Amino acid sequence: MTAFQFSQLLGASIALPVIPAAAGAPFAWSLVLSGAVVVFSLVPLGAARSQADFTPSDLAAPRAMFERLPAWGKRANWAHQNSFEAFTLHAPACLLCLLVAPSVVAASPWLAVAAWLQPALRLGYIGAYLANVAPLRSLCWAGAILCTALLYSEGLRAVLRS
């Protein structure tokens, strides 16, 4: 069997849903932007580490230098860690909505707003955390979690409808 014949056989045996690009775009962009927020959270952390006289020897025990970070640098570290946690919750919700995009968008057109809003709220969360504005930080965190919960809720409803 040639590689071409194998790929035809494989293609014929796997039936993936065809999602119109416009329907899934908000969820795909939300996934990409949420990942970018995680990467962006490294910027203030790197700045804090440079103020704490980061040296290559700190690579042997990077958590040990935490005590040398300035107060805002410790908050940058916590914001960075929380960014990973939020991404691990949000990414599957985006993927779920991508799988059922046409039906979820038809049933809940406002869901695209939640998908776009989540990465923006996460950026606000990082800024509020660095600035030590706890009420704003909590609002951004709660809003982003609510957006993720809405994606899960509507995505699961669409799966159960089909």
Protein backbone atom coordinates (compact mmCIF):
# COMPACT_ATOMS: atom_id res chain seq x y z
CA MET A 1 0.00 0.00 0.00
CA THR A 2 1.42 3.39 -0.96
CA ALA A 3 1.39 6.41 1.32
CA PHE A 4 -1.24 8.02 -0.92
CA GLN A 5 -3.55 5.01 -0.68
CA PHE A 6 -3.06 4.90 3.09
CA SER A 7 -3.95 8.58 3.44
CA GLN A 8 -7.08 8.05 1.33
CA LEU A 9 -8.08 5.09 3.48
CA LEU A 10 -7.43 7.05 6.66
CA GLY A 11 -9.34 10.05 5.34
CA ALA A 12 -12.31 7.90 4.41
CA SER A 13 -12.46 6.24 7.82
CA ILE A 14 -12.33 9.42 9.93
CA ALA A 15 -15.34 11.66 9.58
CA LEU A 16 -14.54 15.00 11.17
CA PRO A 17 -17.22 17.67 11.25
CA VAL A 18 -16.74 20.51 8.84
CA ILE A 19 -17.00 23.75 10.76
CA PRO A 20 -17.65 26.98 8.87
CA ALA A 21 -14.73 29.29 9.57
CA ALA A 22 -16.93 32.20 10.65
CA ALA A 23 -18.80 30.15 13.25
CA GLY A 24 -15.71 28.87 15.03
CA ALA A 25 -13.56 31.98 14.70
CA PRO A 26 -14.34 33.53 18.12
CA PHE A 27 -13.52 30.28 19.89
CA ALA A 28 -10.33 29.69 17.92
CA TRP A 29 -9.17 33.26 18.53
CA SER A 30 -10.06 33.01 22.21
CA LEU A 31 -7.91 29.90 22.47
CA VAL A 32 -4.97 31.56 20.70
CA LEU A 33 -5.26 34.80 22.67
CA SER A 34 -5.58 32.95 25.98
CA GLY A 35 -2.35 31.13 25.18
CA ALA A 36 -0.75 34.47 24.32
CA VAL A 37 -1.81 35.84 27.71
CA VAL A 38 0.08 33.00 29.39
CA VAL A 39 3.18 33.86 27.37
CA PHE A 40 2.69 37.58 28.08
CA SER A 41 2.59 36.85 31.82
CA LEU A 42 6.28 36.00 31.54
CA VAL A 43 7.17 39.62 30.72
CA PRO A 44 6.57 41.14 34.17
CA LEU A 45 7.95 38.01 35.82
CA GLY A 46 11.15 38.35 33.79
CA ALA A 47 11.39 42.02 34.73
CA ALA A 48 11.01 41.12 38.41
CA ARG A 49 13.64 38.44 38.16
CA SER A 50 16.06 40.91 36.58
CA GLN A 51 15.52 43.25 39.54
CA ALA A 52 16.24 40.35 41.90
CA ASP A 53 19.70 39.90 40.32
CA PHE A 54 18.82 36.70 38.51
CA THR A 55 21.95 34.72 37.62
CA PRO A 56 22.39 31.48 35.68
CA SER A 57 23.03 29.71 38.99
CA ASP A 58 19.40 30.48 39.92
CA LEU A 59 18.32 28.06 37.20
CA ALA A 60 19.31 25.20 39.51
CA ALA A 61 16.62 26.27 42.00
CA PRO A 62 14.36 28.96 40.46
CA ARG A 63 11.85 28.80 43.32
CA ALA A 64 14.56 29.66 45.83
CA MET A 65 14.96 33.15 44.35
CA PHE A 66 11.29 33.91 45.06
CA GLU A 67 12.20 35.54 48.39
CA ARG A 68 14.53 37.97 46.60
CA LEU A 69 11.73 39.25 44.33
CA PRO A 70 10.22 42.65 45.09
CA ALA A 71 6.60 42.63 46.29
CA TRP A 72 5.26 43.34 42.79
CA GLY A 73 7.53 40.59 41.45
CA LYS A 74 5.98 38.06 43.82
CA ARG A 75 2.56 39.12 42.53
CA ALA A 76 3.88 38.73 38.97
CA ASN A 77 4.93 35.19 39.83
CA TRP A 78 1.50 34.39 41.26
CA ALA A 79 -0.24 35.98 38.26
CA HIS A 80 1.90 33.87 35.94
CA GLN A 81 1.03 30.67 37.81
CA ASN A 82 -2.67 31.58 37.80
CA SER A 83 -2.48 32.21 34.05
CA PHE A 84 -1.58 28.56 33.52
CA GLU A 85 -4.44 27.46 35.75
CA ALA A 86 -6.95 29.63 33.89
CA PHE A 87 -5.68 28.41 30.51
CA THR A 88 -6.10 24.76 31.49
CA LEU A 89 -9.76 25.49 32.24
CA HIS A 90 -10.44 27.72 29.25
CA ALA A 91 -8.75 25.75 26.47
CA PRO A 92 -11.05 22.69 26.66
CA ALA A 93 -14.09 24.99 26.74
CA CYS A 94 -12.92 26.65 23.51
CA LEU A 95 -12.25 23.28 21.90
CA LEU A 96 -15.69 22.03 22.90
CA CYS A 97 -17.33 25.09 21.36
CA LEU A 98 -15.20 24.69 18.23
CA LEU A 99 -16.54 21.16 17.78
CA VAL A 100 -20.15 22.33 17.92
CA ALA A 101 -19.61 25.86 16.61
CA PRO A 102 -22.50 26.20 14.14
CA SER A 103 -25.15 25.01 16.59
CA VAL A 104 -23.74 26.84 19.61
CA VAL A 105 -23.47 30.14 17.72
CA ALA A 106 -26.99 29.76 16.35
CA ALA A 107 -28.40 29.04 19.82
CA SER A 108 -26.31 31.65 21.68
CA PRO A 109 -24.88 34.40 19.46
CA TRP A 110 -23.74 36.30 22.59
CA LEU A 111 -21.34 33.45 23.37
CA ALA A 112 -18.82 34.93 20.94
CA VAL A 113 -18.64 37.97 23.23
CA ALA A 114 -17.74 35.72 26.16
CA ALA A 115 -15.05 34.04 24.07
CA TRP A 116 -13.48 37.40 23.17
CA LEU A 117 -13.91 38.83 26.65
CA GLN A 118 -12.08 36.07 28.53
CA PRO A 119 -8.53 36.87 27.28
CA ALA A 120 -9.17 40.60 27.78
CA LEU A 121 -10.26 39.99 31.36
CA ARG A 122 -7.20 37.82 31.96
CA LEU A 123 -4.95 40.69 30.79
CA GLY A 124 -6.82 43.00 33.15
CA TYR A 125 -6.30 40.45 35.91
CA ILE A 126 -2.53 40.48 35.40
CA GLY A 127 -2.44 44.29 35.39
CA ALA A 128 -4.60 44.53 38.51
CA TYR A 129 -2.49 41.90 40.26
CA LEU A 130 0.75 43.73 39.48
CA ALA A 131 -0.76 47.04 40.61
CA ASN A 132 -2.10 45.37 43.78
CA VAL A 133 -5.71 46.43 43.13
CA ALA A 134 -7.42 43.46 44.78
CA PRO A 135 -11.10 44.34 44.03
CA LEU A 136 -10.40 44.84 40.31
CA ARG A 137 -8.27 41.71 40.23
CA SER A 138 -11.10 39.70 41.79
CA LEU A 139 -13.66 41.11 39.33
CA CYS A 140 -11.43 40.27 36.36
CA TRP A 141 -10.83 36.77 37.69
CA ALA A 142 -14.53 36.14 38.33
CA GLY A 143 -15.52 37.57 34.94
CA ALA A 144 -13.01 35.39 33.10
CA ILE A 145 -14.15 32.28 34.99
CA LEU A 146 -17.77 33.16 34.17
CA CYS A 147 -16.88 33.45 30.47
CA THR A 148 -15.24 30.02 30.58
CA ALA A 149 -18.22 28.55 32.41
CA LEU A 150 -20.57 29.95 29.77
CA LEU A 151 -18.53 28.32 27.02
CA TYR A 152 -18.69 24.98 28.83
CA SER A 153 -22.40 25.32 29.51
CA GLU A 154 -23.44 26.21 25.98
CA GLY A 155 -20.99 23.76 24.42
CA LEU A 156 -22.35 20.89 26.50
CA ARG A 157 -25.93 21.93 25.71
CA ALA A 158 -25.12 21.82 22.01
CA VAL A 159 -23.57 18.37 22.37
CA LEU A 160 -26.62 17.07 24.21
CA ARG A 161 -28.97 18.59 21.59
CA SER A 162 -27.23 16.76 18.76
